[in-house]
Protein backbone atom coordinates (compact mmCIF):
# COMPACT_ATOMS: atom_id res chain seq x y z
CA MET A 1 -2.13 -9.31 9.19
CA SER A 2 -0.61 -11.30 6.27
CA THR A 3 -2.13 -15.02 6.21
CA ALA A 4 1.60 -15.95 6.14
CA PHE A 5 1.63 -15.20 10.10
CA THR A 6 -1.83 -16.75 11.07
CA ARG A 7 -2.13 -19.57 9.10
CA ARG A 8 -1.80 -22.60 11.91
CA THR A 9 -2.82 -26.09 10.51
CA ALA A 10 -1.11 -29.49 10.96
CA ILE A 11 2.54 -28.48 11.56
CA THR A 12 4.27 -31.92 12.37
CA ARG A 13 5.94 -32.16 9.10
CA ARG A 14 6.31 -28.14 8.53
CA THR A 15 8.14 -28.00 11.69
CA ALA A 16 10.57 -30.94 10.46
CA LEU A 17 10.99 -28.95 7.24
CA MET A 18 11.57 -25.79 8.90
CA ALA A 19 13.90 -26.97 11.95
CA GLY A 20 17.26 -25.05 11.62
CA LEU A 21 16.01 -22.41 9.80
CA ALA A 22 18.96 -19.67 10.11
CA PRO A 23 18.79 -16.19 8.97
CA LEU A 24 21.93 -15.58 7.01
CA ALA A 25 21.36 -11.92 6.73
CA THR A 26 20.75 -11.50 10.44
CA ARG A 27 24.36 -13.02 10.84
CA ALA A 28 25.80 -10.43 8.66
CA LEU A 29 23.83 -7.90 10.50
CA ALA A 30 25.46 -8.61 13.64
CA GLN A 31 28.83 -8.51 12.18
CA ALA A 32 28.60 -5.44 10.30
CA GLY A 33 26.09 -3.17 12.46
CA PRO A 34 22.60 -2.08 10.96
CA PHE A 35 22.05 -2.98 7.07
CA ARG A 36 21.42 0.28 5.24
CA VAL A 37 19.08 0.27 2.33
CA PRO A 38 17.71 3.36 0.38
CA ARG A 39 14.26 4.47 0.66
CA TRP A 40 11.99 2.51 -1.94
CA GLY A 41 14.76 0.38 -2.54
CA VAL A 42 14.56 -3.51 -1.98
CA PHE A 43 15.65 -4.64 1.78
CA GLU A 44 16.33 -8.62 1.76
CA ALA A 45 16.54 -11.17 4.32
CA SER A 46 17.47 -14.62 3.52
CA PHE A 47 17.30 -17.80 5.52
CA ASN A 48 18.73 -21.62 5.21
CA GLY A 49 16.57 -24.48 5.90
CA PRO A 50 16.30 -28.24 4.85
CA GLN A 51 14.84 -29.11 1.54
CA SER A 52 12.80 -32.33 2.15
CA GLY A 53 9.14 -32.22 1.58
CA ASN A 54 7.48 -29.44 -0.77
CA PRO A 55 8.75 -25.89 0.68
CA PHE A 56 6.37 -24.11 -1.64
CA THR A 57 3.08 -25.93 -0.07
CA GLU A 58 4.27 -26.86 3.23
CA VAL A 59 5.80 -23.79 4.81
CA THR A 60 4.31 -20.10 5.07
CA LEU A 61 6.79 -17.65 5.65
CA GLY A 62 6.55 -13.88 6.08
CA ALA A 63 7.85 -10.95 8.16
CA ARG A 64 6.49 -8.15 10.25
CA PHE A 65 8.33 -4.63 9.22
CA GLN A 66 7.94 -1.68 12.03
CA HIS A 67 8.66 1.87 11.73
CA GLU A 68 7.74 3.82 14.66
CA HIS A 69 4.59 2.88 15.25
CA ARG A 70 3.45 1.70 12.05
CA THR A 71 3.72 -2.03 11.03
CA ILE A 72 3.58 -3.63 7.48
CA ASP A 73 3.20 -7.28 6.89
CA VAL A 74 4.72 -8.94 4.13
CA ASP A 75 4.92 -12.75 2.68
CA GLY A 76 8.21 -14.48 2.18
CA PHE A 77 8.91 -17.23 -0.41
CA TYR A 78 10.79 -20.16 -1.07
CA ASP A 79 13.83 -19.43 -3.84
CA GLY A 80 14.98 -23.06 -4.04
CA GLY A 81 18.29 -24.54 -2.91
CA GLY A 82 17.02 -24.85 0.90
CA THR A 83 16.80 -20.71 0.76
CA TRP A 84 13.82 -18.51 1.79
CA ARG A 85 13.58 -14.73 1.40
CA VAL A 86 11.66 -11.64 2.56
CA ARG A 87 11.83 -8.55 0.57
CA PHE A 88 10.81 -5.48 1.82
CA SER A 89 10.42 -1.52 0.49
CA PRO A 90 10.73 1.14 2.94
CA ASP A 91 8.95 4.27 2.49
CA ALA A 92 10.55 6.13 5.40
CA GLU A 93 13.76 7.21 6.30
CA GLY A 94 14.93 6.17 9.87
CA GLU A 95 15.23 2.77 11.82
CA TRP A 96 13.39 -0.20 10.78
CA THR A 97 12.77 -3.44 12.59
CA TYR A 98 11.45 -6.90 11.40
CA THR A 99 10.70 -10.26 12.95
CA VAL A 100 10.27 -13.29 10.81
CA ARG A 101 7.38 -15.64 11.49
CA SER A 102 6.46 -19.09 10.01
CA ASN A 103 4.29 -22.02 10.84
CA GLY A 104 5.80 -23.76 13.54
CA ILE A 105 8.53 -21.84 14.19
CA VAL A 106 8.84 -17.99 15.00
CA ASP A 107 12.00 -16.31 14.83
CA ALA A 108 11.66 -13.88 17.79
CA ARG A 109 14.33 -11.89 17.67
CA THR A 110 13.85 -8.33 16.51
CA THR A 111 16.43 -7.14 13.87
CA PRO A 112 17.08 -3.52 12.76
CA PHE A 113 18.06 -1.67 9.33
CA LEU A 114 18.10 1.75 8.66
CA CYS A 115 16.44 3.19 5.49
CA VAL A 116 18.59 6.36 4.14
CA PRO A 117 17.64 9.04 1.76
CA PRO A 118 17.17 7.53 -1.71
CA ASP A 119 20.00 7.31 -4.39
CA ALA A 120 20.02 9.29 -7.77
CA GLY A 121 17.15 8.79 -10.03
CA ASN A 122 15.10 6.93 -7.55
CA HIS A 123 11.86 9.00 -7.38
CA GLY A 124 10.02 6.24 -5.70
CA PRO A 125 6.87 4.10 -6.68
CA VAL A 126 4.49 5.83 -9.05
CA ALA A 127 0.96 6.36 -7.72
CA VAL A 128 -2.13 8.34 -9.13
CA ARG A 129 -2.17 11.92 -8.48
CA ASP A 130 -4.77 14.85 -8.80
CA THR A 131 -7.69 12.19 -10.11
CA TYR A 132 -6.42 11.75 -13.56
CA HIS A 133 -2.61 11.61 -13.57
CA PHE A 134 0.30 9.88 -12.36
CA GLY A 135 3.41 11.11 -9.86
CA TYR A 136 6.32 9.68 -7.93
CA ALA A 137 6.57 9.24 -4.51
CA ASP A 138 9.13 12.12 -3.86
CA GLY A 139 6.71 14.27 -5.80
CA ALA A 140 8.05 14.54 -9.41
CA ARG A 141 5.52 14.40 -12.16
CA TYR A 142 5.43 10.85 -14.09
CA TYR A 143 3.73 11.07 -17.69
CA PRO A 144 3.70 7.17 -19.08
CA PHE A 145 5.25 7.23 -22.22
CA GLY A 146 4.99 3.17 -22.88
CA THR A 147 5.63 0.66 -25.25
CA THR A 148 4.87 -2.96 -25.52
CA CYS A 149 7.14 -5.90 -25.32
CA TYR A 150 4.97 -8.86 -24.39
CA GLY A 151 7.39 -11.73 -24.54
CA TRP A 152 11.01 -10.10 -24.26
CA VAL A 153 11.87 -11.86 -21.03
CA HIS A 154 11.34 -15.12 -22.80
CA GLN A 155 14.05 -15.00 -25.94
CA GLY A 156 17.55 -15.80 -24.11
CA ASP A 157 19.96 -13.25 -23.01
CA ALA A 158 21.50 -11.87 -26.36
CA LEU A 159 18.09 -10.69 -27.81
CA GLU A 160 16.95 -9.62 -24.04
CA GLU A 161 20.20 -7.39 -23.73
CA GLN A 162 19.59 -6.23 -27.28
CA THR A 163 16.15 -4.99 -25.89
CA LEU A 164 17.52 -3.44 -22.78
CA ALA A 165 20.22 -1.30 -25.16
CA THR A 166 17.01 -0.18 -27.18
CA LEU A 167 15.36 0.94 -24.34
CA ARG A 168 18.01 3.03 -23.02
CA SER A 169 17.98 5.26 -25.78
CA SER A 170 14.31 5.24 -26.32
CA PRO A 171 11.87 7.72 -24.75
CA PHE A 172 9.85 5.07 -23.22
CA ASN A 173 9.29 5.11 -19.26
CA LYS A 174 6.78 2.24 -19.15
CA LEU A 175 6.99 -1.39 -20.55
CA ARG A 176 3.96 -3.83 -20.76
CA MET A 177 5.35 -7.37 -20.41
CA CYS A 178 3.96 -10.76 -19.79
CA ILE A 179 5.10 -12.90 -16.92
CA PHE A 180 4.09 -16.19 -18.66
CA PRO A 181 5.48 -16.90 -22.18
CA LYS A 182 3.17 -16.41 -25.16
CA TRP A 183 2.46 -18.52 -28.15
CA TYR A 184 0.73 -16.41 -31.06
CA ALA A 185 1.94 -15.24 -34.54
CA PHE A 186 5.41 -14.16 -34.75
CA ASN A 187 6.03 -15.50 -30.98
CA HIS A 188 6.35 -19.44 -31.64
CA VAL A 189 9.16 -19.88 -29.15
CA GLU A 190 10.00 -21.97 -26.34
CA PRO A 191 11.34 -20.07 -23.51
CA PRO A 192 14.53 -20.95 -21.76
CA TYR A 193 12.76 -20.99 -18.30
CA TYR A 194 9.29 -22.32 -17.43
CA PRO A 195 7.57 -21.07 -14.24
CA PHE A 196 6.97 -24.58 -12.98
CA GLU A 197 9.03 -27.49 -12.37
CA ARG A 198 8.47 -29.93 -15.35
CA THR A 199 9.26 -33.89 -15.39
CA ALA A 200 11.34 -35.27 -17.83
CA ALA A 201 8.19 -35.87 -20.21
CA GLY A 202 7.44 -32.21 -20.10
CA ALA A 203 4.53 -32.24 -17.46
CA GLN A 204 4.29 -29.82 -15.08
CA ASP A 205 3.91 -29.62 -11.50
CA TYR A 206 2.03 -26.86 -10.44
CA SER A 207 2.62 -27.70 -6.84
CA ARG A 208 6.29 -26.34 -7.33
CA PHE A 209 7.35 -23.18 -8.90
CA HIS A 210 10.75 -22.97 -10.75
CA PRO A 211 13.04 -20.19 -8.98
CA PRO A 212 15.43 -19.82 -11.92
CA PHE A 213 12.30 -18.75 -14.15
CA PHE A 214 11.45 -15.77 -11.53
CA GLN A 215 14.93 -15.03 -10.50
CA HIS A 216 15.28 -14.42 -14.29
CA LEU A 217 12.11 -12.31 -14.33
CA GLU A 218 12.99 -9.99 -11.46
CA ARG A 219 16.55 -9.36 -12.93
CA ARG A 220 15.22 -7.72 -15.62
CA VAL A 221 12.53 -5.89 -13.49
CA ALA A 222 15.39 -4.64 -11.62
CA GLN A 223 17.46 -3.44 -14.92
CA LEU A 224 14.23 -1.58 -15.95
CA SER A 225 14.06 0.21 -12.69
CA GLN A 226 17.81 1.32 -12.82
CA MET A 227 16.58 2.75 -16.32
CA GLY A 228 13.47 4.77 -14.76
CA ILE A 229 11.15 2.13 -16.50
CA GLU A 230 7.98 1.00 -15.05
CA ALA A 231 7.43 -2.47 -15.43
CA ASP A 232 3.69 -3.25 -16.32
CA LEU A 233 3.54 -6.86 -15.67
CA ILE A 234 0.78 -8.85 -17.07
CA LEU A 235 -0.49 -11.77 -14.78
CA PHE A 236 -2.32 -13.71 -17.40
CA HIS A 237 -3.29 -13.82 -21.00
CA PRO A 238 -4.93 -16.00 -23.52
CA TYR A 239 -1.90 -16.66 -26.21
CA ASP A 240 -0.83 -20.10 -24.51
CA HIS A 241 -0.16 -23.62 -25.49
CA TRP A 242 1.46 -24.51 -22.02
CA GLY A 243 -1.79 -24.60 -19.94
CA TYR A 244 -1.33 -21.35 -17.99
CA SER A 245 -4.49 -19.93 -18.97
CA SER A 246 -6.42 -22.92 -17.70
CA MET A 247 -4.61 -23.74 -14.29
CA PRO A 248 -6.98 -24.49 -11.34
CA ALA A 249 -8.15 -22.05 -9.24
CA ALA A 250 -6.01 -22.87 -6.28
CA VAL A 251 -2.76 -22.68 -8.75
CA ASP A 252 -3.83 -19.23 -9.98
CA ASP A 253 -4.45 -17.88 -6.60
CA ARG A 254 -0.95 -19.40 -5.68
CA TYR A 255 0.61 -18.29 -8.42
CA LEU A 256 -0.45 -14.37 -7.71
CA ARG A 257 0.70 -14.65 -4.23
CA TYR A 258 3.99 -16.26 -4.94
CA THR A 259 4.56 -13.61 -7.62
CA ILE A 260 3.42 -10.88 -5.24
CA ALA A 261 5.96 -11.73 -2.60
CA ARG A 262 8.69 -11.97 -4.90
CA LEU A 263 7.95 -8.72 -6.91
CA ALA A 264 6.03 -6.45 -5.24
CA ALA A 265 9.09 -4.57 -3.36
CA TYR A 266 10.27 -3.56 -6.77
CA ARG A 267 9.50 0.20 -6.66
CA ASN A 268 8.83 -0.10 -10.93
CA VAL A 269 6.34 -2.84 -10.50
CA TRP A 270 2.67 -2.16 -11.64
CA TRP A 271 0.04 -5.21 -11.79
CA SER A 272 -2.03 -5.85 -14.94
CA LEU A 273 -4.50 -8.54 -14.48
CA ALA A 274 -4.56 -9.96 -17.89
CA ASN A 275 -4.04 -8.69 -21.59
CA GLU A 276 -7.34 -9.20 -23.32
CA TRP A 277 -9.04 -10.59 -20.20
CA ASP A 278 -12.26 -11.44 -22.04
CA LEU A 279 -10.36 -13.92 -24.65
CA VAL A 280 -9.40 -16.11 -21.34
CA LYS A 281 -12.22 -18.30 -21.83
CA THR A 282 -11.49 -20.87 -19.25
CA LYS A 283 -12.21 -17.78 -16.49
CA THR A 284 -15.14 -16.15 -15.14
CA LEU A 285 -15.79 -12.43 -14.10
CA ALA A 286 -15.85 -13.89 -10.83
CA ASP A 287 -12.73 -15.25 -11.14
CA TRP A 288 -11.00 -11.96 -12.34
CA ASN A 289 -12.77 -10.04 -9.37
CA ARG A 290 -11.22 -12.60 -6.94
CA PHE A 291 -7.65 -12.14 -8.60
CA PHE A 292 -8.00 -8.15 -7.94
CA HIS A 293 -8.85 -9.08 -4.22
CA ILE A 294 -5.91 -11.33 -3.95
CA VAL A 295 -3.39 -8.51 -5.24
CA GLN A 296 -5.17 -5.93 -3.10
CA GLU A 297 -4.62 -8.31 0.10
CA ALA A 298 -0.78 -9.37 -0.81
CA ASP A 299 0.68 -6.34 -2.28
CA PRO A 300 1.71 -4.39 0.98
CA TYR A 301 2.34 -1.39 -1.06
CA GLY A 302 -0.88 -0.91 -3.35
CA ARG A 303 1.05 -0.92 -6.53
CA LEU A 304 -0.80 0.20 -9.71
CA CYS A 305 -3.31 -2.25 -10.67
CA SER A 306 -5.14 -2.40 -13.80
CA ILE A 307 -6.85 -4.98 -16.74
CA HIS A 308 -6.83 -4.97 -20.41
CA HIS A 309 -9.67 -5.94 -22.73
CA SER A 310 -9.97 -6.97 -26.26
CA LYS A 311 -13.92 -6.46 -26.72
CA VAL A 312 -15.44 -6.33 -23.51
CA MET A 313 -14.19 -3.83 -21.19
CA TYR A 314 -14.06 -4.35 -17.38
CA ASP A 315 -15.85 -2.01 -15.05
CA HIS A 316 -12.43 0.37 -14.49
CA ALA A 317 -14.70 2.31 -12.02
CA LYS A 318 -14.22 -0.49 -9.41
CA PRO A 319 -12.25 0.77 -6.55
CA TRP A 320 -9.64 -1.67 -6.90
CA VAL A 321 -8.64 -0.64 -10.24
CA THR A 322 -6.41 2.13 -9.88
CA HIS A 323 -6.64 3.06 -13.81
CA ALA A 324 -7.98 2.11 -16.97
CA SER A 325 -5.93 -0.14 -19.32
CA ILE A 326 -8.04 0.44 -22.50
CA GLN A 327 -7.55 -1.17 -26.48
CA SER A 328 -9.04 1.44 -28.53
CA ASP A 329 -8.14 4.17 -31.27
CA ASP A 330 -11.55 5.92 -30.71
CA PHE A 331 -10.41 9.24 -29.12
CA SER A 332 -13.66 10.59 -29.47
CA LYS A 333 -14.65 8.50 -25.91
CA THR A 334 -11.68 9.73 -24.29
CA GLN A 335 -13.90 12.44 -22.23
CA GLU A 336 -16.70 9.96 -21.66
CA TRP A 337 -14.09 7.35 -20.15
CA LEU A 338 -12.56 10.27 -17.91
CA ASP A 339 -16.07 11.07 -16.47
CA ALA A 340 -17.14 7.42 -16.20
CA PHE A 341 -14.06 6.25 -14.49
CA ARG A 342 -12.53 9.44 -12.57
CA LYS A 343 -9.23 8.30 -12.77
CA PRO A 344 -6.51 8.27 -15.17
CA VAL A 345 -6.79 6.59 -18.77
CA ILE A 346 -4.19 4.90 -20.75
CA LEU A 347 -5.06 3.52 -24.23
CA ASP A 348 -2.29 0.74 -23.68
CA GLU A 349 -3.10 -0.33 -27.08
CA CYS A 350 -4.23 2.16 -29.94
CA LYS A 351 -2.67 -0.38 -32.81
CA TYR A 352 0.66 -0.67 -33.72
CA GLU A 353 3.06 0.91 -36.10
CA GLY A 354 4.21 -1.54 -38.61
CA ASN A 355 3.33 -3.80 -41.62
CA ILE A 356 2.16 -6.96 -40.97
CA PRO A 357 -1.32 -8.19 -42.44
CA GLN A 358 -3.26 -8.08 -39.17
CA ARG A 359 -5.53 -4.77 -39.01
CA TRP A 360 -4.12 -4.08 -35.50
CA GLY A 361 -0.30 -4.04 -36.68
CA ASN A 362 0.41 -1.89 -39.77
CA ILE A 363 -0.50 1.95 -38.82
CA SER A 364 2.22 4.30 -40.12
CA ALA A 365 4.71 6.26 -37.82
CA GLN A 366 2.88 9.51 -38.74
CA GLU A 367 -0.23 7.92 -37.47
CA MET A 368 1.12 6.62 -34.30
CA VAL A 369 2.52 9.85 -33.63
CA ARG A 370 -0.86 11.70 -34.20
CA ARG A 371 -2.43 9.17 -31.79
CA PHE A 372 -0.11 10.01 -28.94
CA TRP A 373 -0.58 13.81 -29.53
CA LEU A 374 -4.62 13.36 -29.50
CA GLY A 375 -4.34 11.44 -26.35
CA MET A 376 -2.12 13.69 -24.57
CA THR A 377 -4.26 16.86 -25.78
CA SER A 378 -7.46 14.90 -24.95
CA GLY A 379 -6.39 14.31 -21.20
CA VAL A 380 -5.48 10.38 -21.47
CA TYR A 381 -2.24 8.78 -22.17
CA VAL A 382 -1.28 6.30 -25.14
CA GLY A 383 1.19 3.26 -25.36
CA HIS A 384 3.16 2.59 -28.26
CA GLY A 385 4.11 -0.66 -30.26
CA GLU A 386 5.87 -1.79 -33.14
CA THR A 387 5.17 -4.63 -35.74
CA TYR A 388 7.42 -4.72 -38.78
CA LEU A 389 8.03 -7.93 -40.65
CA ASP A 390 11.08 -9.50 -39.82
CA PRO A 391 12.78 -12.61 -41.66
CA HIS A 392 13.35 -14.15 -38.13
CA ASP A 393 10.05 -13.32 -36.56
CA VAL A 394 12.02 -10.61 -34.26
CA LEU A 395 9.11 -8.02 -33.53
CA TRP A 396 9.48 -5.48 -31.36
CA TRP A 397 5.99 -5.83 -29.97
CA GLY A 398 6.56 -9.50 -29.39
CA ARG A 399 9.97 -10.19 -28.78
CA GLY A 400 11.66 -7.06 -28.38
CA GLY A 401 15.08 -6.33 -29.98
CA THR A 402 15.53 -3.14 -31.99
CA LEU A 403 13.20 -0.51 -33.04
CA HIS A 404 12.85 0.09 -36.90
CA GLY A 405 10.02 2.74 -37.11
CA GLU A 406 9.99 6.61 -37.14
CA SER A 407 7.65 7.18 -34.26
CA ALA A 408 10.29 6.83 -31.03
CA PRO A 409 12.23 10.28 -31.78
CA ARG A 410 8.92 11.94 -32.37
CA LEU A 411 7.54 10.48 -29.06
CA ALA A 412 10.55 11.70 -27.55
CA PHE A 413 10.00 15.21 -28.53
CA LEU A 414 6.49 15.21 -27.34
CA ARG A 415 7.44 13.63 -23.93
CA ARG A 416 10.25 16.59 -23.53
CA ILE A 417 7.61 19.22 -24.47
CA ILE A 418 4.83 17.66 -21.98
CA GLU A 419 7.54 17.52 -19.14
CA GLU A 420 8.91 21.11 -19.71
CA GLY A 421 5.16 22.40 -19.18
CA PRO A 422 3.33 22.81 -15.70
CA GLY A 423 1.93 19.79 -14.13
CA GLY A 424 -1.71 19.25 -14.03
CA LEU A 425 -2.90 19.56 -17.48
CA ASN A 426 -6.59 18.37 -18.38
CA PRO A 427 -8.67 18.82 -21.32
CA VAL A 428 -10.41 21.88 -22.17
CA PRO A 429 -14.14 21.16 -22.50
CA ASN A 430 -15.82 21.56 -25.58
CA ALA A 431 -12.86 22.81 -27.65
CA TYR A 432 -12.78 22.57 -31.28
CA PHE A 433 -9.23 21.49 -31.37
CA PRO A 434 -7.98 19.04 -28.39
CA CYS A 435 -6.26 21.25 -26.17
CA ALA A 436 -4.75 20.18 -22.74
CA ALA A 437 -4.36 23.30 -20.36
CA LYS A 438 -3.56 24.56 -17.15
CA ALA A 439 -6.29 27.52 -17.21
CA GLY A 440 -4.83 31.20 -17.25
CA GLU A 441 -1.26 29.43 -17.73
CA TYR A 442 -0.75 27.33 -20.29
CA TYR A 443 -2.44 25.87 -23.31
CA LEU A 444 -1.31 23.18 -25.85
CA TYR A 445 -3.61 22.58 -28.95
CA PHE A 446 -3.41 19.80 -31.61
CA LEU A 447 -5.07 20.65 -34.81
CA ASP A 448 -4.88 17.10 -36.21
CA TYR A 449 -5.86 16.82 -39.62
CA HIS A 450 -7.19 20.42 -39.91
CA GLN A 451 -5.17 22.89 -41.99
CA PRO A 452 -6.60 26.20 -41.18
CA ALA A 453 -4.15 29.10 -42.67
CA GLU A 454 -5.32 31.19 -39.59
CA TYR A 455 -7.38 30.50 -36.56
CA THR A 456 -9.11 32.68 -33.80
CA PHE A 457 -8.28 30.84 -30.40
CA ASP A 458 -10.06 32.06 -27.00
CA LEU A 459 -7.75 32.73 -24.39
CA PRO A 460 -8.27 34.13 -21.11
CA GLU A 461 -8.41 38.24 -21.18
CA THR A 462 -6.41 38.63 -17.98
CA ALA A 463 -3.19 37.85 -19.33
CA GLN A 464 -0.56 37.90 -22.31
CA PHE A 465 0.55 34.61 -23.92
CA GLN A 466 3.64 33.87 -25.86
CA ALA A 467 2.60 31.52 -28.93
CA ASP A 468 4.58 28.94 -30.29
CA LEU A 469 3.84 26.50 -33.48
CA ILE A 470 4.77 23.29 -33.29
CA ASP A 471 5.59 20.48 -35.77
CA PRO A 472 4.98 17.24 -34.36
CA TRP A 473 6.68 15.51 -37.42
CA LYS A 474 9.39 17.69 -38.14
CA MET A 475 9.89 17.98 -34.52
CA THR A 476 10.34 21.98 -34.68
CA ILE A 477 9.24 24.85 -32.51
CA THR A 478 8.70 28.26 -33.84
CA LYS A 479 8.29 31.34 -31.93
CA LEU A 480 5.20 33.45 -33.07
CA GLU A 481 5.55 37.34 -33.26
CA GLY A 482 3.64 39.04 -30.74
CA THR A 483 1.73 38.30 -27.44
CA HIS A 484 -1.97 37.46 -27.35
CA ARG A 485 -4.91 37.41 -24.92
CA GLY A 486 -8.62 36.93 -25.36
CA LYS A 487 -9.91 35.98 -28.63
CA THR A 488 -6.91 36.27 -30.80
CA LEU A 489 -6.36 35.65 -34.51
CA VAL A 490 -3.09 33.71 -35.05
CA LYS A 491 -1.69 32.75 -38.67
CA LEU A 492 -0.92 29.57 -39.20
CA PRO A 493 0.84 27.37 -42.49
CA GLY A 494 -2.15 25.70 -43.71
CA ALA A 495 -0.77 22.25 -43.20
CA PRO A 496 -2.15 19.29 -41.41
CA GLY A 497 -0.85 17.75 -38.31
CA MET A 498 0.22 21.12 -36.54
CA ALA A 499 -0.04 22.25 -32.74
CA VAL A 500 -0.12 25.42 -31.00
CA ARG A 501 1.31 26.20 -27.70
CA PHE A 502 0.55 29.20 -25.34
CA ARG A 503 2.24 30.08 -22.41
CA LYS A 504 1.88 32.95 -19.90
CA ALA A 505 4.27 35.55 -21.00
């Protein structure tokens, strides 16, 4: 059961604070009949109450949701202006009920609502499937083609809307993004909103969250969801001059619980404990383990949860890590990671396409495309980023805006090839060229920098296969003559960077 329902300390002042708490949504339900929410959508109940004292620290509010014989407890949150909210994402169709609870006052009335079929494009949340892969709750496959825009939600509406417009026409279905603003090269911008209340002198009151900051964030998360983009939310990072990376432990924990209470109901949310956790020198390994446990306890949906490193890799084999989020371009280790972690691996940062002086931000578009193909044919997933110099320091990786590079359409081409193939592709052990395969049915080879004019592929003897030559850069697919089986010699163009696909005829 949620601590929001069980914590009962001195409640005299809190009872006064909660006096007259009135369920706004419940009144609407009584007038209009049971409220309807799509499966995996967001149900929200709002309540009015006085604003005296400190609602963030003096009140605990939550609700128990029930469907048939199953109950789920969620924490509520104070949203400013005398308004408390509870959010919930139902995962089963039919009638649900909820009962709100708080310290000092319990609303004993049980209120119903209906969970109806999901609307178009709503496939539910993404989870791990078949050990090394991902899938939506409705059974559809999900292949992460992610990009990075660390601080895009801290740029103001004009640039943020431009970022959303860019994403709508991009191939990316996952976005790594920071909750806290970021202060780093090309990112020296004060945000329009801060997560905590601030005094006139600029000091932060860590006992009071600033609801407009979170309202803005969740609006952007909801917009990503409407576009089918997973929001990989980074909870902590070291690139900070406001003090968010060195808050007291109690503030860290309260921030995690508040953020989860507000955002966990959005089906496209993933949690990333940190970007480059090992560079946050104010926290210990024990702190990071504690954060994982808080996320596990506070998130009733078990959203995907990872942690990203700079040089010291966290132990991704731990059970509370759902998938490995890795910074590396060493694709020779992919099988080692898969064997060690026994879960999906995403190279979220394999360096960035761009031309900045920093070594991590100046690989070519051709190299970015190459790394995606290497990853997909080696059994792992890869993340994109772009860092081209700009006179106004608006680099996609840091602030969003528009894409200037040439890799995005090629990644869209790769994504289409992968999504048109069968599910459950896994690397072929000890293959000379990286090969993602569904045994006996489908084989996708990437020849990388090799340029053979002909090559003998080793296919099953039990079936005939049709072969296609794929040029990842030119985005062409050429059907090769004849059919193939067993050890088969295939004539090739003798050019680097080619791929060959075999499909069961």
